[in-house]
C-alpha atoms as a PDB file:
ATOM      1  CA  THR A   1       0.068  -0.154   0.154  1.00  0.00           C
ATOM      2  CA  LEU A   2       1.151   3.788  -0.484  1.00  0.00           C
ATOM      3  CA  LEU A   3       1.137   4.249   3.622  1.00  0.00           C
ATOM      4  CA  ARG A   4       3.542   1.169   3.837  1.00  0.00           C
ATOM      5  CA  LEU A   5       5.892   2.603   0.843  1.00  0.00           C
ATOM      6  CA  LYS A   6       6.186   6.149   2.728  1.00  0.00           C
ATOM      7  CA  GLU A   7       6.784   4.316   5.922  1.00  0.00           C
ATOM      8  CA  LYS A   8       9.527   2.334   4.484  1.00  0.00           C
ATOM      9  CA  GLU A   9      10.854   5.508   2.326  1.00  0.00           C
ATOM     10  CA  ILE A  10      11.022   7.390   5.748  1.00  0.00           C
ATOM     11  CA  GLU A  11      12.917   4.109   7.468  1.00  0.00           C
ATOM     12  CA  ARG A  12      15.482   4.353   4.391  1.00  0.00           C
ATOM     13  CA  SER A  13      15.850   7.945   4.675  1.00  0.00           C
ATOM     14  CA  THR A  14      16.780   7.928   8.871  1.00  0.00           C
ATOM     15  CA  LYS A  15      19.016   5.109   7.764  1.00  0.00           C
ATOM     16  CA  TRP A  16      21.002   7.728   5.326  1.00  0.00           C
ATOM     17  CA  ALA A  17      20.596  10.460   7.683  1.00  0.00           C
ATOM     18  CA  ASN A  18      22.337   8.354  10.386  1.00  0.00           C
ATOM     19  CA  MET A  19      25.284   7.161   7.821  1.00  0.00           C
ATOM     20  CA  SER A  20      25.871  11.080   7.022  1.00  0.00           C
ATOM     21  CA  LYS A  21      28.062  13.468   8.364  1.00  0.00           C
ATOM     22  CA  SER A  22      27.565  17.176   7.733  1.00  0.00           C
ATOM     23  CA  THR A  23      30.673  19.295   6.749  1.00  0.00           C
ATOM     24  CA  VAL A  24      31.031  22.775   5.536  1.00  0.00           C
ATOM     25  CA  ILE A  25      32.960  23.506   2.440  1.00  0.00           C
ATOM     26  CA  ASN A  26      32.768  26.943   0.327  1.00  0.00           C
ATOM     27  CA  ASN A  27      30.256  28.216   3.223  1.00  0.00           C
ATOM     28  CA  GLU A  28      27.995  25.272   1.786  1.00  0.00           C
ATOM     29  CA  ASN A  29      26.548  22.530   4.017  1.00  0.00           C
ATOM     30  CA  LEU A  30      27.427  19.425   2.680  1.00  0.00           C
ATOM     31  CA  TYR A  31      27.079  15.839   3.653  1.00  0.00           C
ATOM     32  CA  HIS A  32      30.190  12.719   3.677  1.00  0.00           C
ATOM     33  CA  PHE A  33      29.549   9.422   3.636  1.00  0.00           C
ATOM     34  CA  ALA A  34      31.699   6.111   4.493  1.00  0.00           C
ATOM     35  CA  LEU A  35      32.309   4.370   1.020  1.00  0.00           C
ATOM     36  CA  THR A  36      31.644   1.243   2.625  1.00  0.00           C
ATOM     37  CA  GLU A  37      30.321  -1.784   1.087  1.00  0.00           C
ATOM     38  CA  LYS A  38      27.165  -1.241   3.184  1.00  0.00           C
ATOM     39  CA  PHE A  39      27.136   2.216   1.507  1.00  0.00           C
ATOM     40  CA  LYS A  40      27.679   0.562  -1.722  1.00  0.00           C
ATOM     41  CA  LYS A  41      24.721  -1.723  -1.102  1.00  0.00           C
ATOM     42  CA  ARG A  42      22.124   0.884  -0.003  1.00  0.00           C
ATOM     43  CA  VAL A  43      22.878   3.098  -3.350  1.00  0.00           C
ATOM     44  CA  PHE A  44      21.861  -0.233  -5.296  1.00  0.00           C
ATOM     45  CA  LYS A  45      18.662  -0.137  -3.297  1.00  0.00           C
ATOM     46  CA  GLY A  46      17.900   3.233  -4.285  1.00  0.00           C
ATOM     47  CA  VAL A  47      19.086   6.603  -2.451  1.00  0.00           C
ATOM     48  CA  PRO A  48      16.044   7.859  -0.980  1.00  0.00           C
ATOM     49  CA  ASP A  49      14.782  10.803  -2.797  1.00  0.00           C
ATOM     50  CA  CYS A  50      15.263  13.439  -0.242  1.00  0.00           C
ATOM     51  CA  TRP A  51      18.955  12.368  -0.307  1.00  0.00           C
ATOM     52  CA  ARG A  52      19.542  12.225  -3.673  1.00  0.00           C
ATOM     53  CA  ARG A  53      20.936  15.875  -4.139  1.00  0.00           C
ATOM     54  CA  GLU A  54      23.520  14.682  -1.387  1.00  0.00           C
ATOM     55  CA  ALA A  55      24.538  11.259  -2.280  1.00  0.00           C
ATOM     56  CA  TRP A  56      24.748  12.307  -5.983  1.00  0.00           C
ATOM     57  CA  TYR A  57      27.240  15.596  -5.257  1.00  0.00           C
ATOM     58  CA  PHE A  58      29.145  13.552  -2.908  1.00  0.00           C
ATOM     59  CA  LEU A  59      29.754  10.922  -5.328  1.00  0.00           C
ATOM     60  CA  ILE A  60      30.225  12.871  -8.630  1.00  0.00           C
ATOM     61  CA  THR A  61      33.197  14.978  -6.738  1.00  0.00           C
ATOM     62  CA  ASP A  62      34.998  12.003  -5.611  1.00  0.00           C
ATOM     63  CA  CYS A  63      33.778  11.883  -2.254  1.00  0.00           C
ATOM     64  CA  LEU A  64      33.861  15.408  -2.034  1.00  0.00           C
ATOM     65  CA  GLN A  65      37.819  15.748  -2.921  1.00  0.00           C
ATOM     66  CA  GLU A  66      37.083  17.701  -5.874  1.00  0.00           C
ATOM     67  CA  THR A  67      34.700  20.562  -4.535  1.00  0.00           C
ATOM     68  CA  THR A  68      37.939  22.420  -4.400  1.00  0.00           C
ATOM     69  CA  ARG A  69      37.087  23.555  -7.910  1.00  0.00           C
ATOM     70  CA  ASP A  70      33.457  24.633  -7.283  1.00  0.00           C
ATOM     71  CA  LEU A  71      33.993  28.283  -6.562  1.00  0.00           C
ATOM     72  CA  ASP A  72      35.887  28.649  -9.545  1.00  0.00           C
ATOM     73  CA  ILE A  73      32.845  26.697 -11.406  1.00  0.00           C
ATOM     74  CA  GLN A  74      30.226  29.099  -9.776  1.00  0.00           C
ATOM     75  CA  GLN A  75      32.435  32.112 -10.576  1.00  0.00           C
ATOM     76  CA  MET A  76      32.843  30.902 -14.635  1.00  0.00           C
ATOM     77  CA  TYR A  77      29.389  30.033 -14.319  1.00  0.00           C
ATOM     78  CA  HIS A  78      28.045  33.697 -14.180  1.00  0.00           C
ATOM     79  CA  ARG A  79      30.594  34.656 -16.278  1.00  0.00           C
ATOM     80  CA  LEU A  80      29.373  32.240 -19.178  1.00  0.00           C
ATOM     81  CA  LEU A  81      25.770  33.180 -18.565  1.00  0.00           C
ATOM     82  CA  LYS A  82      26.808  36.947 -19.527  1.00  0.00           C
ATOM     83  CA  LYS A  83      27.916  35.498 -23.491  1.00  0.00           C
ATOM     84  CA  GLY A  84      25.405  34.575 -26.301  1.00  0.00           C
ATOM     85  CA  SER A  85      25.742  31.170 -27.687  1.00  0.00           C
ATOM     86  CA  GLU A  86      25.528  30.106 -31.284  1.00  0.00           C
ATOM     87  CA  HIS A  87      23.358  27.033 -29.720  1.00  0.00           C
ATOM     88  CA  GLU A  88      20.553  29.134 -28.257  1.00  0.00           C
ATOM     89  CA  HIS A  89      18.173  28.922 -30.844  1.00  0.00           C
ATOM     90  CA  GLN A  90      18.377  25.031 -30.887  1.00  0.00           C
ATOM     91  CA  ILE A  91      18.445  24.981 -27.093  1.00  0.00           C
ATOM     92  CA  ASP A  92      15.333  27.138 -27.107  1.00  0.00           C
ATOM     93  CA  LEU A  93      13.548  24.749 -29.406  1.00  0.00           C
ATOM     94  CA  ASP A  94      14.470  21.528 -27.457  1.00  0.00           C
ATOM     95  CA  ILE A  95      13.389  22.659 -24.021  1.00  0.00           C
ATOM     96  CA  PRO A  96       9.778  22.317 -24.711  1.00  0.00           C
ATOM     97  CA  ARG A  97      10.299  18.963 -25.639  1.00  0.00           C
ATOM     98  CA  THR A  98      11.896  17.844 -22.580  1.00  0.00           C
ATOM     99  CA  LEU A  99      10.180  16.018 -19.606  1.00  0.00           C
ATOM    100  CA  ARG A 100       6.869  17.886 -20.955  1.00  0.00           C
ATOM    101  CA  GLY A 101       4.876  15.938 -18.253  1.00  0.00           C
ATOM    102  CA  HIS A 102       6.753  17.357 -15.205  1.00  0.00           C
ATOM    103  CA  ILE A 103       5.766  20.288 -13.574  1.00  0.00           C
ATOM    104  CA  MET A 104       8.901  21.945 -13.545  1.00  0.00           C
ATOM    105  CA  PHE A 105       9.254  22.240 -16.932  1.00  0.00           C
ATOM    106  CA  LYS A 106       5.528  22.527 -18.359  1.00  0.00           C
ATOM    107  CA  GLN A 107       5.468  26.232 -18.415  1.00  0.00           C
ATOM    108  CA  ARG A 108       6.957  27.756 -21.365  1.00  0.00           C
ATOM    109  CA  TYR A 109       9.446  29.991 -20.412  1.00  0.00           C
ATOM    110  CA  GLY A 110       8.944  29.172 -16.875  1.00  0.00           C
ATOM    111  CA  SER A 111      11.519  29.189 -14.208  1.00  0.00           C
ATOM    112  CA  GLY A 112      12.284  25.503 -14.876  1.00  0.00           C
ATOM    113  CA  GLN A 113      12.396  26.089 -18.693  1.00  0.00           C
ATOM    114  CA  ARG A 114      14.586  29.037 -18.141  1.00  0.00           C
ATOM    115  CA  SER A 115      17.234  27.418 -15.545  1.00  0.00           C
ATOM    116  CA  LEU A 116      17.431  24.791 -18.157  1.00  0.00           C
ATOM    117  CA  PHE A 117      18.375  27.200 -21.044  1.00  0.00           C
ATOM    118  CA  ASN A 118      20.567  28.751 -18.630  1.00  0.00           C
ATOM    119  CA  VAL A 119      22.796  25.778 -17.755  1.00  0.00           C
ATOM    120  CA  LEU A 120      22.816  24.615 -21.363  1.00  0.00           C
ATOM    121  CA  ARG A 121      23.923  27.583 -22.969  1.00  0.00           C
ATOM    122  CA  ALA A 122      26.639  28.384 -20.368  1.00  0.00           C
ATOM    123  CA  PHE A 123      27.584  24.787 -20.804  1.00  0.00           C
ATOM    124  CA  SER A 124      28.001  25.104 -24.481  1.00  0.00           C
ATOM    125  CA  ASN A 125      30.170  28.207 -24.055  1.00  0.00           C
ATOM    126  CA  TYR A 126      31.916  26.185 -21.424  1.00  0.00           C
ATOM    127  CA  ASP A 127      33.110  23.417 -23.647  1.00  0.00           C
ATOM    128  CA  MET A 128      33.065  24.977 -26.905  1.00  0.00           C
ATOM    129  CA  GLU A 129      34.172  21.331 -29.042  1.00  0.00           C
ATOM    130  CA  VAL A 130      31.059  19.875 -27.083  1.00  0.00           C
ATOM    131  CA  GLY A 131      28.772  22.716 -27.678  1.00  0.00           C
ATOM    132  CA  TYR A 132      25.153  21.417 -27.220  1.00  0.00           C
ATOM    133  CA  CYS A 133      24.083  17.872 -28.183  1.00  0.00           C
ATOM    134  CA  GLN A 134      20.082  17.337 -27.906  1.00  0.00           C
ATOM    135  CA  GLY A 135      20.630  14.303 -25.535  1.00  0.00           C
ATOM    136  CA  MET A 136      22.071  16.737 -23.248  1.00  0.00           C
ATOM    137  CA  THR A 137      18.767  18.627 -22.496  1.00  0.00           C
ATOM    138  CA  ASN A 138      17.263  15.751 -20.142  1.00  0.00           C
ATOM    139  CA  VAL A 139      20.598  15.164 -18.835  1.00  0.00           C
ATOM    140  CA  ALA A 140      20.238  18.845 -17.251  1.00  0.00           C
ATOM    141  CA  ALA A 141      16.703  18.728 -16.857  1.00  0.00           C
ATOM    142  CA  THR A 142      17.257  15.431 -14.139  1.00  0.00           C
ATOM    143  CA  ILE A 143      19.964  17.467 -12.491  1.00  0.00           C
ATOM    144  CA  LEU A 144      17.549  20.669 -12.019  1.00  0.00           C
ATOM    145  CA  MET A 145      15.304  18.434 -10.141  1.00  0.00           C
ATOM    146  CA  TYR A 146      17.698  18.303  -7.264  1.00  0.00           C
ATOM    147  CA  CYS A 147      19.879  21.336  -7.549  1.00  0.00           C
ATOM    148  CA  GLU A 148      19.465  24.896  -8.176  1.00  0.00           C
ATOM    149  CA  GLU A 149      21.097  26.334 -11.431  1.00  0.00           C
ATOM    150  CA  GLU A 150      24.436  27.152 -10.277  1.00  0.00           C
ATOM    151  CA  LYS A 151      25.029  23.462  -8.798  1.00  0.00           C
ATOM    152  CA  ALA A 152      23.634  21.820 -11.689  1.00  0.00           C
ATOM    153  CA  PHE A 153      26.076  23.274 -13.744  1.00  0.00           C
ATOM    154  CA  ALA A 154      29.162  22.524 -11.301  1.00  0.00           C
ATOM    155  CA  VAL A 155      27.588  18.788 -11.197  1.00  0.00           C
ATOM    156  CA  MET A 156      27.226  18.572 -15.200  1.00  0.00           C
ATOM    157  CA  VAL A 157      31.024  19.775 -15.052  1.00  0.00           C
ATOM    158  CA  HIS A 158      32.237  17.051 -12.547  1.00  0.00           C
ATOM    159  CA  MET A 159      30.409  14.480 -14.676  1.00  0.00           C
ATOM    160  CA  PHE A 160      32.119  15.663 -17.909  1.00  0.00           C
ATOM    161  CA  LEU A 161      35.499  15.581 -16.315  1.00  0.00           C
ATOM    162  CA  ARG A 162      35.043  12.479 -14.128  1.00  0.00           C
ATOM    163  CA  ASP A 163      33.980  10.196 -16.679  1.00  0.00           C
ATOM    164  CA  ASN A 164      35.359  12.075 -19.883  1.00  0.00           C
ATOM    165  CA  LEU A 165      31.714  12.741 -21.099  1.00  0.00           C
ATOM    166  CA  ARG A 166      32.734  15.118 -23.959  1.00  0.00           C
ATOM    167  CA  ASN A 167      34.076  12.326 -25.982  1.00  0.00           C
ATOM    168  CA  LEU A 168      30.403  11.105 -26.001  1.00  0.00           C
ATOM    169  CA  TYR A 169      29.236  14.486 -27.838  1.00  0.00           C
ATOM    170  CA  ILE A 170      32.552  15.603 -29.542  1.00  0.00           C
ATOM    171  CA  PRO A 171      32.219  15.238 -33.954  1.00  0.00           C
ATOM    172  CA  GLY A 172      33.034  11.704 -34.344  1.00  0.00           C
ATOM    173  CA  PHE A 173      31.451  10.529 -31.050  1.00  0.00           C
ATOM    174  CA  PRO A 174      34.312   8.424 -29.955  1.00  0.00           C
ATOM    175  CA  THR A 175      32.985   7.085 -26.664  1.00  0.00           C
ATOM    176  CA  LEU A 176      29.411   6.342 -28.747  1.00  0.00           C
ATOM    177  CA  MET A 177      31.374   4.183 -31.479  1.00  0.00           C
ATOM    178  CA  GLU A 178      33.397   2.380 -28.435  1.00  0.00           C
ATOM    179  CA  SER A 179      30.259   2.113 -26.600  1.00  0.00           C
ATOM    180  CA  PHE A 180      28.547  -0.199 -29.438  1.00  0.00           C
ATOM    181  CA  PHE A 181      31.500  -2.093 -29.446  1.00  0.00           C
ATOM    182  CA  ILE A 182      31.266  -3.073 -26.141  1.00  0.00           C
ATOM    183  CA  GLN A 183      27.545  -3.735 -26.178  1.00  0.00           C
ATOM    184  CA  GLU A 184      27.597  -6.254 -29.227  1.00  0.00           C
ATOM    185  CA  SER A 185      30.450  -7.965 -27.849  1.00  0.00           C
ATOM    186  CA  LEU A 186      28.735  -8.058 -24.053  1.00  0.00           C
ATOM    187  CA  LEU A 187      25.222  -9.001 -25.928  1.00  0.00           C
ATOM    188  CA  MET A 188      27.029 -12.008 -27.884  1.00  0.00           C
ATOM    189  CA  LYS A 189      28.892 -13.190 -24.578  1.00  0.00           C
ATOM    190  CA  TYR A 190      25.464 -13.045 -22.301  1.00  0.00           C
ATOM    191  CA  LEU A 191      22.567 -13.362 -24.753  1.00  0.00           C
ATOM    192  CA  PRO A 192      23.675 -14.974 -28.317  1.00  0.00           C
ATOM    193  CA  LYS A 193      20.371 -15.494 -29.417  1.00  0.00           C
ATOM    194  CA  VAL A 194      19.460 -11.843 -29.252  1.00  0.00           C
ATOM    195  CA  SER A 195      22.976 -10.720 -30.561  1.00  0.00           C
ATOM    196  CA  ARG A 196      22.376 -13.263 -33.748  1.00  0.00           C
ATOM    197  CA  HIS A 197      18.636 -12.374 -34.377  1.00  0.00           C
ATOM    198  CA  LEU A 198      19.549  -8.461 -34.063  1.00  0.00           C
ATOM    199  CA  THR A 199      22.358  -9.261 -36.599  1.00  0.00           C
ATOM    200  CA  SER A 200      20.032 -11.337 -38.810  1.00  0.00           C
ATOM    201  CA  LEU A 201      17.618  -8.641 -39.101  1.00  0.00           C
ATOM    202  CA  GLY A 202      20.327  -6.186 -40.239  1.00  0.00           C
ATOM    203  CA  LEU A 203      19.908  -4.011 -36.987  1.00  0.00           C
ATOM    204  CA  PRO A 204      22.794  -2.443 -35.774  1.00  0.00           C
ATOM    205  CA  SER A 205      23.378  -0.657 -32.110  1.00  0.00           C
ATOM    206  CA  ASP A 206      23.483   2.773 -33.670  1.00  0.00           C
ATOM    207  CA  ALA A 207      19.901   2.256 -35.230  1.00  0.00           C
ATOM    208  CA  TYR A 208      18.238   1.825 -31.552  1.00  0.00           C
ATOM    209  CA  SER A 209      20.790   2.480 -28.520  1.00  0.00           C
ATOM    210  CA  THR A 210      22.348   5.960 -29.678  1.00  0.00           C
ATOM    211  CA  ARG A 211      19.805   7.495 -27.589  1.00  0.00           C
ATOM    212  CA  TRP A 212      20.307   5.322 -24.588  1.00  0.00           C
ATOM    213  CA  TYR A 213      23.939   6.609 -24.384  1.00  0.00           C
ATOM    214  CA  ILE A 214      23.795  10.201 -25.141  1.00  0.00           C
ATOM    215  CA  THR A 215      20.816  10.936 -22.832  1.00  0.00           C
ATOM    216  CA  LEU A 216      22.539   8.901 -19.855  1.00  0.00           C
ATOM    217  CA  PHE A 217      19.615   6.757 -19.917  1.00  0.00           C
ATOM    218  CA  THR A 218      17.002   9.786 -19.581  1.00  0.00           C
ATOM    219  CA  GLY A 219      14.411  11.262 -21.982  1.00  0.00           C
ATOM    220  CA  GLY A 220      12.164   7.969 -21.704  1.00  0.00           C
ATOM    221  CA  VAL A 221      14.457   5.368 -22.280  1.00  0.00           C
ATOM    222  CA  VAL A 222      12.984   3.766 -19.149  1.00  0.00           C
ATOM    223  CA  GLN A 223      10.153   4.872 -16.709  1.00  0.00           C
ATOM    224  CA  TYR A 224      11.338   7.676 -14.606  1.00  0.00           C
ATOM    225  CA  ASP A 225      11.478   5.670 -11.422  1.00  0.00           C
ATOM    226  CA  THR A 226      13.890   3.157 -12.954  1.00  0.00           C
ATOM    227  CA  GLN A 227      16.015   6.331 -14.723  1.00  0.00           C
ATOM    228  CA  LEU A 228      16.685   7.676 -10.869  1.00  0.00           C
ATOM    229  CA  ARG A 229      17.847   4.299  -9.587  1.00  0.00           C
ATOM    230  CA  ILE A 230      20.054   3.849 -12.820  1.00  0.00           C
ATOM    231  CA  TRP A 231      21.827   7.507 -11.972  1.00  0.00           C
ATOM    232  CA  ASP A 232      22.314   6.349  -8.219  1.00  0.00           C
ATOM    233  CA  ILE A 233      24.432   3.604  -9.340  1.00  0.00           C
ATOM    234  CA  TYR A 234      25.814   5.443 -12.193  1.00  0.00           C
ATOM    235  CA  PHE A 235      26.835   8.255  -9.780  1.00  0.00           C
ATOM    236  CA  LEU A 236      28.501   5.401  -7.586  1.00  0.00           C
ATOM    237  CA  HIS A 237      30.311   3.494 -10.512  1.00  0.00           C
ATOM    238  CA  GLY A 238      30.637   5.689 -13.576  1.00  0.00           C
ATOM    239  CA  TYR A 239      29.633   5.427 -17.380  1.00  0.00           C
ATOM    240  CA  ASP A 240      30.619   1.677 -17.357  1.00  0.00           C
ATOM    241  CA  ILE A 241      27.531   0.774 -15.300  1.00  0.00           C
ATOM    242  CA  PHE A 242      25.311   1.556 -18.417  1.00  0.00           C
ATOM    243  CA  PHE A 243      26.818  -1.540 -20.404  1.00  0.00           C
ATOM    244  CA  PHE A 244      25.243  -3.799 -17.892  1.00  0.00           C
ATOM    245  CA  ILE A 245      22.156  -1.829 -17.565  1.00  0.00           C
ATOM    246  CA  VAL A 246      21.732  -2.625 -21.349  1.00  0.00           C
ATOM    247  CA  ILE A 247      22.248  -6.328 -21.075  1.00  0.00           C
ATOM    248  CA  VAL A 248      19.646  -6.403 -18.378  1.00  0.00           C
ATOM    249  CA  LEU A 249      17.277  -4.509 -20.165  1.00  0.00           C
ATOM    250  CA  PHE A 250      17.775  -6.920 -23.107  1.00  0.00           C
ATOM    251  CA  HIS A 251      17.397 -10.051 -20.979  1.00  0.00           C
ATOM    252  CA  ILE A 252      14.069  -8.675 -19.534  1.00  0.00           C
ATOM    253  CA  HIS A 253      12.765  -8.249 -23.222  1.00  0.00           C
ATOM    254  CA  GLN A 254      14.295 -11.043 -24.989  1.00  0.00           C
ATOM    255  CA  LYS A 255      11.162 -13.128 -25.460  1.00  0.00           C
ATOM    256  CA  LYS A 256       9.572 -10.176 -27.249  1.00  0.00           C
ATOM    257  CA  ILE A 257      12.850  -9.339 -29.266  1.00  0.00           C
ATOM    258  CA  LEU A 258      13.244 -12.782 -30.585  1.00  0.00           C
ATOM    259  CA  GLU A 259       9.801 -13.287 -31.733  1.00  0.00           C
ATOM    260  CA  SER A 260       9.541 -10.071 -33.554  1.00  0.00           C
ATOM    261  CA  ASP A 261      10.646  -8.625 -37.295  1.00  0.00           C
ATOM    262  CA  LEU A 262      12.893  -5.478 -37.900  1.00  0.00           C
ATOM    263  CA  ASP A 263       9.782  -3.098 -37.572  1.00  0.00           C
ATOM    264  CA  HIS A 264       8.600  -4.239 -34.470  1.00  0.00           C
ATOM    265  CA  CYS A 265      12.242  -4.839 -32.785  1.00  0.00           C
ATOM    266  CA  MET A 266      12.727  -1.119 -33.675  1.00  0.00           C
ATOM    267  CA  GLU A 267       9.519  -0.063 -32.004  1.00  0.00           C
ATOM    268  CA  ILE A 268      10.495  -2.229 -28.700  1.00  0.00           C
ATOM    269  CA  LEU A 269      13.813  -0.720 -28.604  1.00  0.00           C
ATOM    270  CA  GLY A 270      12.995   2.754 -29.584  1.00  0.00           C
ATOM    271  CA  SER A 271      10.065   2.933 -27.113  1.00  0.00           C
ATOM    272  CA  THR A 272      10.280   3.106 -23.415  1.00  0.00           C
ATOM    273  CA  LEU A 273      11.791  -0.128 -21.976  1.00  0.00           C
ATOM    274  CA  SER A 274       9.745  -1.363 -18.848  1.00  0.00           C
ATOM    275  CA  VAL A 275      11.137  -2.805 -15.646  1.00  0.00           C
ATOM    276  CA  PRO A 276       8.718  -4.520 -14.262  1.00  0.00           C
ATOM    277  CA  ASP A 277      10.624  -4.688 -10.557  1.00  0.00           C
ATOM    278  CA  ASN A 278      13.032  -2.342  -9.894  1.00  0.00           C
ATOM    279  CA  ASN A 279      14.786  -4.099  -7.203  1.00  0.00           C
ATOM    280  CA  LYS A 280      15.204  -7.583  -9.369  1.00  0.00           C
ATOM    281  CA  PHE A 281      16.475  -5.154 -11.889  1.00  0.00           C
ATOM    282  CA  MET A 282      19.339  -3.303  -9.809  1.00  0.00           C
ATOM    283  CA  LYS A 283      20.098  -6.945  -8.163  1.00  0.00           C
ATOM    284  CA  SER A 284      20.665  -8.253 -11.574  1.00  0.00           C
ATOM    285  CA  VAL A 285      22.744  -5.601 -12.652  1.00  0.00           C
ATOM    286  CA  GLU A 286      25.247  -5.580  -9.612  1.00  0.00           C
ATOM    287  CA  LYS A 287      25.696  -9.097  -9.958  1.00  0.00           C
ATOM    288  CA  LEU A 288      26.958  -8.507 -13.516  1.00  0.00           C
ATOM    289  CA  TYR A 289      28.813  -5.932 -13.080  1.00  0.00           C
ATOM    290  CA  LEU A 290      30.971  -7.009  -9.809  1.00  0.00           C
ATOM    291  CA  LYS A 291      31.257 -10.342 -11.809  1.00  0.00           C
ATOM    292  CA  ASN A 292      32.964  -8.236 -15.041  1.00  0.00           C
ATOM    293  CA  VAL A 293      34.626  -5.626 -12.557  1.00  0.00           C
ATOM    294  CA  ARG A 294      36.757  -8.972 -11.119  1.00  0.00           C
ATOM    295  CA  SER A 295      37.550 -10.113 -14.453  1.00  0.00           C
ATOM    296  CA  ASP A 296      38.243  -6.486 -15.979  1.00  0.00           C
ATOM    297  CA  THR A 297      35.954  -6.997 -19.053  1.00  0.00           C
ATOM    298  CA  ILE A 298      35.326  -3.795 -20.152  1.00  0.00           C
ATOM    299  CA  ALA A 299      38.903  -2.568 -20.125  1.00  0.00           C
ATOM    300  CA  THR A 300      39.663  -5.393 -22.140  1.00  0.00           C
ATOM    301  CA  LEU A 301      37.345  -4.751 -24.678  1.00  0.00           C
ATOM    302  CA  ARG A 302      38.324  -1.225 -24.783  1.00  0.00           C
ATOM    303  CA  ARG A 303      41.895  -2.085 -25.593  1.00  0.00           C
ATOM    304  CA  GLU A 304      40.415  -4.465 -28.117  1.00  0.00           C
ATOM    305  CA  TYR A 305      38.465  -1.910 -29.790  1.00  0.00           C
ATOM    306  CA  GLN A 306      41.456   0.593 -29.951  1.00  0.00           C
ATOM    307  CA  THR A 307      43.512  -2.243 -31.966  1.00  0.00           C
ATOM    308  CA  LYS A 308      40.540  -2.082 -34.399  1.00  0.00           C
ATOM    309  CA  VAL A 309      40.611   1.902 -34.666  1.00  0.00           C
END
């Protein structure tokens, strides 16, 4: 029941409060957590919504160590806001299509849409080579649900620095191309029937999974509650976690995919991929991720890809 879910959320929030330690950095109250196995397990179980801002920020700043950059980032944000951007028109066109059902972004030129415009315009000037890419709109919008503008911009900068996300968006999309190779290799290893079926249909990864990676699984790739759970573990483990999310999603939908022709496959993979049970989904992702970390699978596949490029 709804009441039981609320009680559970309060209980979990209390556990997170007990795990946290308050600290002041740059005149801002922040929270520190001990990066123990218990903490990691709790992230996989889902960060309580009222703790997401603190937990995500703690993780993306390498346990707050990278917050030393933040005063400079904030000052840079205000400087960048004063500059025009060649991407302004495209950003303005894309914003109304972003999370249209969410109250924060519903009103045209309302405070939510203005904040989103500011963050994306500033970011397009922060990294001129990346500029602006359509997938970034939903990434910035998700951060803005938990952070004010300045902080959202800082989180985005930290994401790009920690995970070298610029290579996902710069011309040639090097990380995206590499991701397709890793995805196809893992699919062949774990779900060979699905892999062979997609190949027989002539359906390459770039035809359906480009949006998965460039939106970091936002913008309707999965249901919103699942997306937040994915982001919890993305902040914990970084970009590579997405490969195992893909494999588990394929596993959930494999029966439908194997029964489908090309058009129906494209329809399934291009729509919102449902996850019947977020907790079971996360347990499967965690198990697969830890198994592959031990065997260094992703690093091996990256080296293999680099020899082919």
